[in-house]
Amino acid sequence: TTPPHHLTTSPPHHLTTSQELAGIELSDTLSMMPASSVSALVFAHPKSQYFAVGQVGKDQVESYSKRKGVGLEQGEKWLSSILNYDRD
């Protein structure tokens, strides 16, 4: 599965103290480290439909970066796992 996109939001304040309280850090893409600190409740429904996002081209990353108000390099960093090209 693909994790949700949290890059346009800031973590709640109580999560920013997690390192000093529990030794948990947030990466610049808001992933929790160490990975063993992550848990989830997952719900399913028999009529649900799932889909995956395919690979994205440079033109899509340029458009996305422009809409988010960031440079191409940052957009490529955020979307690095689904790029269909090698970053320069």
Protein backbone atom coordinates (compact mmCIF):
# COMPACT_ATOMS: atom_id res chain seq x y z
CA THR A 1 0.00 0.00 0.00
CA THR A 2 1.00 3.61 -0.45
CA PRO A 3 1.19 5.81 2.65
CA PRO A 4 -0.96 8.93 2.76
CA HIS A 5 0.54 12.20 1.61
CA HIS A 6 1.32 14.30 4.72
CA LEU A 7 3.88 16.64 3.24
CA THR A 8 1.56 19.64 3.03
CA THR A 9 0.63 19.51 6.71
CA SER A 10 2.63 20.08 9.86
CA PRO A 11 2.72 17.41 12.54
CA PRO A 12 0.63 18.13 15.64
CA HIS A 13 2.68 19.79 18.37
CA HIS A 14 2.48 16.78 20.69
CA LEU A 15 4.27 14.68 18.05
CA THR A 16 7.20 17.08 17.90
CA THR A 17 8.07 16.19 21.52
CA SER A 18 8.03 12.45 20.80
CA GLN A 19 11.81 12.27 20.48
CA GLU A 20 12.47 13.47 23.99
CA LEU A 21 9.59 11.46 25.45
CA ALA A 22 9.95 8.15 23.58
CA GLY A 23 12.99 8.33 21.30
CA ILE A 24 10.82 8.59 18.18
CA GLU A 25 11.92 10.93 15.40
CA LEU A 26 10.08 12.30 12.38
CA SER A 27 11.93 12.40 9.07
CA ASP A 28 11.63 15.36 6.69
CA THR A 29 8.85 13.40 4.94
CA LEU A 30 7.11 12.81 8.31
CA SER A 31 7.96 9.11 8.53
CA MET A 32 8.36 7.81 12.07
CA MET A 33 11.74 6.36 13.00
CA PRO A 34 12.47 3.76 14.14
CA ALA A 35 9.95 1.90 11.99
CA SER A 36 8.99 -0.23 15.00
CA SER A 37 7.30 2.86 16.49
CA VAL A 38 4.57 2.80 13.81
CA SER A 39 1.22 1.12 14.30
CA ALA A 40 -2.11 1.29 12.51
CA LEU A 41 -5.74 0.32 12.68
CA VAL A 42 -6.79 -0.90 9.26
CA PHE A 43 -10.44 -1.23 8.30
CA ALA A 44 -11.79 -3.02 5.23
CA HIS A 45 -15.16 -3.32 3.60
CA PRO A 46 -16.22 -6.07 1.19
CA LYS A 47 -17.43 -3.47 -1.35
CA SER A 48 -14.34 -1.29 -1.15
CA GLN A 49 -12.16 -0.75 -4.19
CA TYR A 50 -8.44 -0.06 -3.99
CA PHE A 51 -6.10 1.47 -6.52
CA ALA A 52 -2.45 2.29 -6.80
CA VAL A 53 -0.85 5.42 -8.18
CA GLY A 54 1.33 4.64 -11.17
CA GLN A 55 4.65 6.17 -12.09
CA VAL A 56 4.69 9.92 -12.79
CA GLY A 57 6.59 11.77 -15.50
CA LYS A 58 8.68 14.91 -15.19
CA ASP A 59 5.89 17.08 -16.64
CA GLN A 60 3.56 15.89 -13.86
CA VAL A 61 6.18 16.57 -11.18
CA GLU A 62 6.78 20.05 -12.60
CA SER A 63 3.04 20.77 -12.52
CA TYR A 64 2.69 19.37 -8.99
CA SER A 65 5.69 21.33 -7.71
CA LYS A 66 4.34 24.55 -9.21
CA ARG A 67 0.91 24.00 -7.63
CA LYS A 68 2.52 23.30 -4.24
CA GLY A 69 4.76 26.36 -4.54
CA VAL A 70 8.02 24.41 -4.26
CA GLY A 71 10.97 23.90 -6.57
CA LEU A 72 11.30 20.91 -8.89
CA GLU A 73 14.01 19.38 -6.69
CA GLN A 74 11.70 19.36 -3.65
CA GLY A 75 8.81 17.94 -5.69
CA GLU A 76 11.07 15.18 -6.97
CA LYS A 77 12.18 14.42 -3.43
CA TRP A 78 8.59 14.13 -2.23
CA LEU A 79 7.60 11.90 -5.15
CA SER A 80 10.89 10.01 -5.52
CA SER A 81 9.34 6.57 -5.02
CA ILE A 82 6.99 6.96 -8.02
CA LEU A 83 9.16 8.81 -10.58
CA ASN A 84 9.39 7.19 -14.02
CA TYR A 85 12.72 8.92 -14.71
CA ASP A 86 16.10 9.35 -13.08
CA ARG A 87 16.58 12.65 -11.23
CA ASP A 88 19.34 14.87 -12.56
